[in-house]
C-alpha cells in the first residue's frame, strides 16, 4: 500500500459526498480510525480496505491506486503508439525496397498536416497517420538525400515526441527526440536541432532535474546561433530564453528567471506575433510563460495579474491555449478561488480534451478542487472521474 492511500481515500469519500462518520458507520470502524487512515497515521488491513471499497462503491484496485479503467486506457494507448515505436526503429536501415514513397511535395504536406493535428490536440488522428508517413519518408530521405526530406523526417519525429509526451510515454518521447536530432544533423538545420534540444530540456524539467535542463537550453542557444539568419533563428532563440526562464523557476533561481524573460521580451517585441517551425512565438507567448513562471514560484497573484492582460490570439494552437488555462487554474486554486479554477479547467478540456485528460498537473489541480470542497459540486465530481481520479 503506497503513502497516498489516505489522500486517495479522502478524495474518494468527498467525491461521494460522504462524511468520515458515515463512512465509519458503513464499514464498522471508528471515525477516529478513518481520520487516522486519511492522515496517513494508520495503515488498514486487507479486510478494512475491502470494506472501505464496498462502502464507497468502488473496487479494491481502484482504492489502492491501480484502477482497471486506467489500465485499460493505458493498453489502448499502447496499441496506438506501438506502430510509432516500430517506425522510429527503421531510421538507420536505409531505403526499404518494398516501400514506394510519394513525392517530396506530398510528404512535406503530410508532415505539415501531422504538425497541425498536434496543434489542434487531435492526438489520436496524428498517432494513427504518423507511422505510415515516417516509413515513407525514411525510404525517400535515404534514397534522395535532400535537405527538405531530412527536415520533413525531423519534424515527423518531433510529432512522435509530441504524441508520446502528451499521452504519457516518456521513454518513447526520448527515443523520438534522439531520432529528431539524427535527422536534423543530416538536414544541417541548426534551428530544428535547437527545437529538439528545447524539448529535451523540457523532459528534464518534468523529471525534476531543472538544472540539467538549464544546461541543455544554454547549449541549444549556442547551437541555434549557427542557423541561417532569419525568422527561425530569432524565434527559436526567443523560445529558448523562455525555456531558460521556466527551468530557472523550477530550480528556484528567481534572478535568472527575470533575466531570461527580459531577453525573450526584447525578441518578441521585435518580431511580433509569429509562427514558425509549428511553434508560436511573440509577446503573447512571452507573457504566458511569465505567468507560468510566477505560478511555479508560488507567486500566484502576480501570475493572475499578468494573465488578466493576455488576450489569446485566435491563431494560437489549441494545445498551447489549453496549457495556459490549466496553468492559471493552479493560480486560482491557490488564491482561494475554486470556481474560477474550475472554469479554467473546463476551458482547457474544451480546447484539448485528449491532452488535458492525461496531464498530471490537471489531475493535481482537480484533486485540489475536490479537497477544497466539503461536498464537491457534481460537475467537479464528474470532471474528476473523467480524468481517472
Protein backbone atom coordinates (compact mmCIF):
# COMPACT_ATOMS: atom_id res chain seq x y z
CA UNK A 1 0.00 0.00 0.00
CA UNK A 2 1.52 3.35 -1.02
CA UNK A 3 1.82 6.55 1.01
CA UNK A 4 -1.00 8.20 -0.94
CA UNK A 5 -3.68 5.76 0.18
CA UNK A 6 -5.06 8.12 2.83
CA UNK A 7 -5.30 11.04 0.42
CA UNK A 8 -6.94 8.77 -2.17
CA UNK A 9 -9.45 7.54 0.42
CA UNK A 10 -10.33 11.10 1.44
CA UNK A 11 -10.73 12.11 -2.18
CA UNK A 12 -13.00 9.14 -2.96
CA UNK A 13 -15.07 9.88 0.14
CA UNK A 14 -15.54 13.54 -0.75
CA UNK A 15 -16.42 12.77 -4.34
CA UNK A 16 -19.25 10.61 -3.00
CA UNK A 17 -20.35 13.31 -0.52
CA UNK A 18 -19.72 11.08 2.49
CA UNK A 19 -18.60 12.25 5.92
CA UNK A 20 -15.98 10.39 7.91
CA UNK A 21 -18.66 9.33 10.42
CA UNK A 22 -20.89 7.97 7.65
CA UNK A 23 -18.01 6.01 6.13
CA UNK A 24 -17.03 4.70 9.57
CA UNK A 25 -20.57 3.55 10.23
CA UNK A 26 -20.83 1.79 6.87
CA UNK A 27 -17.53 -0.02 7.34
CA UNK A 28 -17.88 -0.87 11.03
CA UNK A 29 -14.83 1.04 12.27
CA UNK A 30 -14.45 4.19 14.34
CA UNK A 31 -14.49 7.73 12.95
CA UNK A 32 -11.11 8.38 14.55
CA UNK A 33 -9.69 5.36 12.69
CA UNK A 34 -10.95 6.72 9.36
CA UNK A 35 -9.34 10.06 10.20
CA UNK A 36 -6.06 8.36 11.07
CA UNK A 37 -6.06 6.47 7.77
CA UNK A 38 -6.68 9.65 5.80
CA UNK A 39 -3.84 11.42 7.63
CA UNK A 40 -1.52 8.53 6.87
CA UNK A 41 -1.15 7.69 10.57
CA UNK A 42 -2.68 4.21 10.25
CA UNK A 43 -2.45 1.53 7.57
CA UNK A 44 -5.62 -0.56 7.22
CA UNK A 45 -5.57 -4.29 6.71
CA UNK A 46 -6.96 -6.06 3.68
CA UNK A 47 -10.35 -6.59 5.32
CA UNK A 48 -10.79 -2.91 6.12
CA UNK A 49 -9.67 -1.91 2.62
CA UNK A 50 -12.29 -4.26 1.15
CA UNK A 51 -14.95 -2.81 3.48
CA UNK A 52 -13.98 0.73 2.53
CA UNK A 53 -14.20 -0.14 -1.17
CA UNK A 54 -17.68 -1.64 -0.71
CA UNK A 55 -18.91 1.37 1.25
CA UNK A 56 -17.56 3.77 -1.37
CA UNK A 57 -18.98 1.76 -4.26
CA UNK A 58 -15.60 1.25 -5.85
CA UNK A 59 -13.10 -1.58 -6.31
CA UNK A 60 -10.13 -2.51 -4.16
CA UNK A 61 -7.65 -1.94 -7.05
CA UNK A 62 -9.23 1.48 -7.65
CA UNK A 63 -8.81 2.43 -4.00
CA UNK A 64 -5.26 1.10 -3.97
CA UNK A 65 -4.35 3.28 -6.95
CA UNK A 66 -4.43 0.57 -9.59
CA UNK A 67 -7.70 1.35 -11.38
CA UNK A 68 -8.68 -1.20 -14.03
CA UNK A 69 -10.12 1.60 -16.19
CA UNK A 70 -6.78 3.38 -16.27
CA UNK A 71 -5.04 0.11 -17.09
CA UNK A 72 -7.44 -0.48 -19.96
CA UNK A 73 -6.93 3.07 -21.20
CA UNK A 74 -3.16 2.55 -20.99
CA UNK A 75 -3.44 -0.67 -23.01
CA UNK A 76 -5.47 1.13 -25.68
CA UNK A 77 -2.92 3.95 -25.87
CA UNK A 78 -0.06 1.46 -26.01
CA UNK A 79 -1.68 -0.21 -29.01
CA UNK A 80 -1.97 3.19 -30.68
CA UNK A 81 1.66 4.19 -30.17
CA UNK A 82 3.26 0.78 -30.86
CA UNK A 83 3.31 1.37 -34.65
CA UNK A 84 5.06 4.69 -33.98
CA UNK A 85 7.67 2.88 -31.91
CA UNK A 86 8.23 0.43 -34.76
CA UNK A 87 8.51 3.20 -37.37
CA UNK A 88 11.09 5.04 -35.28
CA UNK A 89 13.24 1.92 -35.24
CA UNK A 90 13.70 1.98 -39.03
CA UNK A 91 15.74 5.19 -39.08
CA UNK A 92 19.14 3.69 -39.96
CA UNK A 93 18.10 0.78 -42.18
CA UNK A 94 18.28 2.73 -45.42
CA UNK A 95 15.68 2.61 -48.19
CA UNK A 96 13.10 -0.18 -47.99
CA UNK A 97 12.75 -1.79 -51.47
CA UNK A 98 9.15 -2.73 -50.66
CA UNK A 99 8.10 0.88 -49.97
CA UNK A 100 7.13 3.21 -52.82
CA UNK A 101 7.09 6.68 -51.22
CA UNK A 102 5.03 9.53 -52.56
CA UNK A 103 6.63 12.68 -53.93
CA UNK A 104 8.68 15.08 -51.84
CA UNK A 105 5.92 17.73 -52.03
CA UNK A 106 3.27 15.27 -50.86
CA UNK A 107 5.41 14.06 -47.95
CA UNK A 108 6.16 17.65 -46.91
CA UNK A 109 2.44 18.42 -46.95
CA UNK A 110 1.71 15.29 -44.91
CA UNK A 111 4.31 16.42 -42.38
CA UNK A 112 2.58 19.78 -42.04
CA UNK A 113 -0.76 18.08 -41.60
CA UNK A 114 0.60 15.98 -38.72
CA UNK A 115 2.01 19.08 -37.02
CA UNK A 116 -1.36 20.79 -37.44
CA UNK A 117 -3.18 17.85 -35.86
CA UNK A 118 -0.95 18.08 -32.80
CA UNK A 119 -1.51 21.85 -32.54
CA UNK A 120 -5.24 21.13 -32.69
CA UNK A 121 -4.76 18.49 -29.95
CA UNK A 122 -6.11 15.70 -32.17
CA UNK A 123 -3.51 13.28 -30.87
CA UNK A 124 -5.32 10.12 -31.89
CA UNK A 125 -5.57 11.18 -35.53
CA UNK A 126 -1.91 12.20 -35.53
CA UNK A 127 -0.88 8.89 -33.94
CA UNK A 128 -2.89 6.92 -36.49
CA UNK A 129 -1.37 8.66 -39.54
CA UNK A 130 2.19 9.16 -38.32
CA UNK A 131 3.77 5.67 -38.66
CA UNK A 132 2.97 5.29 -42.35
CA UNK A 133 4.31 8.76 -43.16
CA UNK A 134 7.53 8.07 -41.24
CA UNK A 135 8.05 4.79 -43.12
CA UNK A 136 7.59 6.52 -46.49
CA UNK A 137 9.77 9.50 -45.66
CA UNK A 138 12.53 7.31 -44.22
CA UNK A 139 12.84 5.48 -47.52
CA UNK A 140 12.55 8.72 -49.54
CA UNK A 141 15.20 10.50 -47.47
CA UNK A 142 17.68 7.62 -47.74
CA UNK A 143 17.01 7.41 -51.48
CA UNK A 144 17.19 11.09 -52.49
CA UNK A 145 19.10 12.56 -49.53
CA UNK A 146 17.66 16.06 -49.96
CA UNK A 147 17.64 18.63 -47.17
CA UNK A 148 13.88 19.02 -47.46
CA UNK A 149 13.22 15.33 -46.87
CA UNK A 150 15.55 15.15 -43.87
CA UNK A 151 13.79 18.23 -42.47
CA UNK A 152 10.41 16.59 -43.02
CA UNK A 153 11.59 13.45 -41.27
CA UNK A 154 12.92 15.51 -38.34
CA UNK A 155 9.54 17.22 -37.93
CA UNK A 156 7.77 13.87 -38.09
CA UNK A 157 9.97 12.68 -35.25
CA UNK A 158 9.02 15.88 -33.44
CA UNK A 159 5.34 14.90 -33.88
CA UNK A 160 6.14 11.46 -32.46
CA UNK A 161 7.65 13.21 -29.45
CA UNK A 162 4.54 15.37 -29.02
CA UNK A 163 2.18 12.40 -29.17
CA UNK A 164 4.29 10.28 -26.80
CA UNK A 165 4.89 13.02 -24.24
CA UNK A 166 1.27 14.19 -24.17
CA UNK A 167 -0.10 10.66 -23.70
CA UNK A 168 2.33 9.57 -21.01
CA UNK A 169 5.06 7.56 -22.79
CA UNK A 170 8.30 9.32 -21.73
CA UNK A 171 10.56 6.53 -22.97
CA UNK A 172 9.15 6.80 -26.48
CA UNK A 173 9.34 10.60 -26.29
CA UNK A 174 13.08 10.39 -25.57
CA UNK A 175 13.63 7.99 -28.48
CA UNK A 176 11.71 10.34 -30.81
CA UNK A 177 13.93 13.25 -29.79
CA UNK A 178 17.07 11.22 -30.47
CA UNK A 179 15.74 10.47 -33.95
CA UNK A 180 14.87 14.14 -34.44
CA UNK A 181 18.44 15.15 -33.66
CA UNK A 182 19.75 12.49 -36.05
CA UNK A 183 17.59 13.79 -38.93
CA UNK A 184 18.29 17.48 -38.14
CA UNK A 185 22.02 16.75 -38.37
CA UNK A 186 21.56 15.27 -41.85
CA UNK A 187 19.49 18.29 -42.86
CA UNK A 188 22.20 20.61 -41.49
CA UNK A 189 19.36 22.55 -39.83
CA UNK A 190 20.58 24.19 -36.61
CA UNK A 191 17.15 25.73 -35.87
CA UNK A 192 15.45 22.33 -35.90
CA UNK A 193 18.31 20.94 -33.82
CA UNK A 194 17.64 23.73 -31.33
CA UNK A 195 13.95 22.84 -31.27
CA UNK A 196 14.88 19.25 -30.48
CA UNK A 197 17.11 20.37 -27.61
CA UNK A 198 14.36 22.65 -26.29
CA UNK A 199 12.05 19.65 -25.98
CA UNK A 200 14.85 17.62 -24.41
CA UNK A 201 15.30 20.32 -21.77
CA UNK A 202 11.58 20.21 -21.00
CA UNK A 203 11.82 16.46 -20.37
CA UNK A 204 14.38 17.16 -17.65
CA UNK A 205 12.08 19.80 -16.15
CA UNK A 206 9.22 17.31 -15.89
CA UNK A 207 11.52 14.75 -14.27
CA UNK A 208 12.57 17.22 -11.58
CA UNK A 209 16.06 17.87 -12.99
CA UNK A 210 15.70 21.55 -13.89
CA UNK A 211 19.42 22.31 -13.52
CA UNK A 212 20.31 19.79 -16.21
CA UNK A 213 17.58 21.28 -18.38
CA UNK A 214 19.17 24.74 -17.94
CA UNK A 215 22.46 23.39 -19.26
CA UNK A 216 20.72 21.85 -22.27
CA UNK A 217 18.88 25.10 -23.02
CA UNK A 218 22.17 27.03 -22.94
CA UNK A 219 23.75 24.54 -25.35
CA UNK A 220 20.67 24.82 -27.56
CA UNK A 221 21.04 28.62 -27.79
CA UNK A 222 24.65 28.16 -28.88
CA UNK A 223 23.51 25.64 -31.49
CA UNK A 224 20.83 27.94 -32.89
CA UNK A 225 23.41 30.71 -33.33
CA UNK A 226 24.79 28.59 -36.19
CA UNK A 227 21.45 28.66 -38.04
CA UNK A 228 20.90 30.81 -41.11
CA UNK A 229 19.84 34.37 -40.16
CA UNK A 230 16.09 34.84 -40.27
CA UNK A 231 12.80 34.16 -38.51
CA UNK A 232 13.55 30.56 -37.49
CA UNK A 233 16.77 31.56 -35.76
CA UNK A 234 15.29 34.59 -33.96
CA UNK A 235 12.08 32.89 -32.84
CA UNK A 236 13.89 29.76 -31.69
CA UNK A 237 16.36 31.87 -29.69
CA UNK A 238 13.47 33.67 -28.02
CA UNK A 239 11.75 30.40 -27.23
CA UNK A 240 14.93 29.05 -25.68
CA UNK A 241 15.13 32.11 -23.42
CA UNK A 242 11.58 31.29 -22.31
CA UNK A 243 12.69 27.73 -21.67
CA UNK A 244 15.54 29.07 -19.56
CA UNK A 245 13.05 31.11 -17.53
CA UNK A 246 10.75 28.14 -16.89
CA UNK A 247 13.68 25.90 -15.99
CA UNK A 248 15.16 28.53 -13.67
CA UNK A 249 11.78 28.87 -11.96
CA UNK A 250 11.83 25.12 -11.40
CA UNK A 251 15.34 25.37 -9.97
CA UNK A 252 14.42 28.25 -7.66
CA UNK A 253 16.72 30.73 -9.42
CA UNK A 254 14.46 33.81 -9.32
CA UNK A 255 17.00 36.35 -10.62
CA UNK A 256 17.76 34.20 -13.66
CA UNK A 257 14.04 33.89 -14.36
CA UNK A 258 13.67 37.64 -14.79
CA UNK A 259 16.83 37.88 -16.89
CA UNK A 260 15.63 35.21 -19.31
CA UNK A 261 12.13 36.68 -19.50
CA UNK A 262 13.53 40.12 -20.29
CA UNK A 263 15.68 38.69 -23.11
CA UNK A 264 12.67 36.88 -24.57
CA UNK A 265 10.52 40.01 -24.27
CA UNK A 266 13.01 42.00 -26.35
CA UNK A 267 12.97 39.47 -29.19
CA UNK A 268 9.18 39.10 -29.01
CA UNK A 269 8.67 42.87 -29.23
CA UNK A 270 10.88 42.96 -32.32
CA UNK A 271 9.22 40.01 -34.10
CA UNK A 272 5.60 40.48 -33.04
CA UNK A 273 3.20 37.53 -33.10
CA UNK A 274 4.63 34.86 -35.36
CA UNK A 275 4.54 31.13 -36.02
CA UNK A 276 7.47 29.17 -37.38
CA UNK A 277 8.53 25.55 -37.14
CA UNK A 278 4.94 24.98 -35.97
CA UNK A 279 5.76 26.99 -32.86
CA UNK A 280 4.07 30.22 -31.78
CA UNK A 281 6.35 32.95 -30.51
CA UNK A 282 5.70 36.58 -29.73
CA UNK A 283 4.54 38.92 -26.95
CA UNK A 284 1.57 36.71 -26.04
CA UNK A 285 3.66 33.57 -25.65
CA UNK A 286 6.25 35.52 -23.64
CA UNK A 287 3.53 36.82 -21.31
CA UNK A 288 2.02 33.35 -20.90
CA UNK A 289 5.43 31.97 -19.96
CA UNK A 290 5.89 34.79 -17.46
CA UNK A 291 2.60 33.85 -15.82
CA UNK A 292 3.63 30.18 -15.73
CA UNK A 293 6.99 31.06 -14.17
CA UNK A 294 5.20 33.02 -11.46
CA UNK A 295 2.91 30.07 -10.75
CA UNK A 296 5.90 27.75 -10.45
CA UNK A 297 7.48 30.16 -7.95
CA UNK A 298 4.33 30.40 -5.85
CA UNK A 299 3.68 33.97 -7.00
CA UNK A 300 0.03 33.25 -7.74
CA UNK A 301 -1.39 36.75 -7.53
CA UNK A 302 1.36 38.10 -9.76
CA UNK A 303 0.62 35.32 -12.25
CA UNK A 304 -3.06 36.21 -12.36
CA UNK A 305 -2.24 39.89 -12.82
CA UNK A 306 -0.15 39.02 -15.89
CA UNK A 307 -2.85 36.64 -17.17
CA UNK A 308 -5.53 39.34 -16.99
CA UNK A 309 -3.66 41.32 -19.63
CA UNK A 310 -3.31 38.37 -22.01
CA UNK A 311 -5.65 38.01 -24.98
CA UNK A 312 -5.04 34.66 -26.64
CA UNK A 313 -4.82 35.03 -30.44
CA UNK A 314 -7.32 33.04 -32.49
CA UNK A 315 -4.35 31.61 -34.39
CA UNK A 316 -2.81 30.11 -31.25
CA UNK A 317 -2.54 26.34 -31.12
CA UNK A 318 -5.36 24.86 -29.05
CA UNK A 319 -2.79 22.72 -27.26
CA UNK A 320 -0.89 25.82 -26.13
CA UNK A 321 -4.06 27.69 -25.13
CA UNK A 322 -5.28 24.69 -23.13
CA UNK A 323 -1.95 24.51 -21.30
CA UNK A 324 -2.23 28.20 -20.38
CA UNK A 325 -5.75 27.73 -18.99
CA UNK A 326 -4.56 24.76 -16.92
CA UNK A 327 -1.66 26.78 -15.53
CA UNK A 328 -3.97 29.62 -14.49
CA UNK A 329 -6.33 27.11 -12.86
CA UNK A 330 -3.49 26.33 -10.46
CA UNK A 331 -3.09 30.03 -9.63
CA UNK A 332 -6.81 30.48 -8.99
CA UNK A 333 -6.89 27.37 -6.83
CA UNK A 334 -4.02 28.55 -4.63
CA UNK A 335 -5.53 32.01 -4.21
CA UNK A 336 -8.75 30.54 -2.83
CA UNK A 337 -10.86 30.90 -5.99
CA UNK A 338 -12.02 27.32 -6.73
CA UNK A 339 -14.87 28.38 -9.03
CA UNK A 340 -12.52 30.37 -11.26
CA UNK A 341 -10.02 27.49 -11.18
CA UNK A 342 -12.67 25.04 -12.33
CA UNK A 343 -13.80 27.39 -15.10
CA UNK A 344 -10.24 27.43 -16.43
CA UNK A 345 -10.02 23.64 -16.29
CA UNK A 346 -13.28 23.37 -18.20
CA UNK A 347 -11.95 25.77 -20.84
CA UNK A 348 -8.78 23.68 -21.14
CA UNK A 349 -10.82 20.50 -21.52
CA UNK A 350 -13.00 22.02 -24.23
CA UNK A 351 -9.93 23.04 -26.23
CA UNK A 352 -7.78 19.92 -25.87
CA UNK A 353 -9.58 17.02 -24.16
CA UNK A 354 -7.05 14.32 -25.05
CA UNK A 355 -4.13 16.39 -23.79
CA UNK A 356 -5.86 17.60 -20.63
CA UNK A 357 -7.12 14.17 -19.64
CA UNK A 358 -3.56 12.86 -19.37
CA UNK A 359 -1.99 15.93 -17.74
CA UNK A 360 -0.51 15.28 -14.30
CA UNK A 361 -0.83 18.98 -13.43
CA UNK A 362 -4.54 18.91 -14.30
CA UNK A 363 -5.07 15.81 -12.17
CA UNK A 364 -3.33 17.55 -9.25
CA UNK A 365 -5.49 20.65 -9.71
CA UNK A 366 -8.69 18.60 -9.82
CA UNK A 367 -7.65 16.74 -6.69
CA UNK A 368 -7.09 20.13 -5.05
CA UNK A 369 -10.58 21.21 -6.07
CA UNK A 370 -12.06 18.09 -4.51
CA UNK A 371 -10.21 18.78 -1.26
CA UNK A 372 -11.31 22.44 -1.33
CA UNK A 373 -14.99 21.46 -1.01
CA UNK A 374 -16.61 19.72 1.91
CA UNK A 375 -19.16 18.48 -0.63
CA UNK A 376 -17.67 18.84 -4.13
CA UNK A 377 -20.17 20.01 -6.78
CA UNK A 378 -21.40 17.31 -9.12
CA UNK A 379 -19.61 18.97 -12.07
CA UNK A 380 -16.29 18.72 -10.21
CA UNK A 381 -17.03 15.09 -9.34
CA UNK A 382 -17.72 14.27 -12.99
CA UNK A 383 -14.55 16.08 -14.10
CA UNK A 384 -12.50 14.14 -11.55
CA UNK A 385 -13.97 10.87 -12.76
CA UNK A 386 -13.30 11.84 -16.38
CA UNK A 387 -9.60 12.33 -15.61
CA UNK A 388 -9.46 8.92 -13.95
CA UNK A 389 -9.14 10.13 -10.34
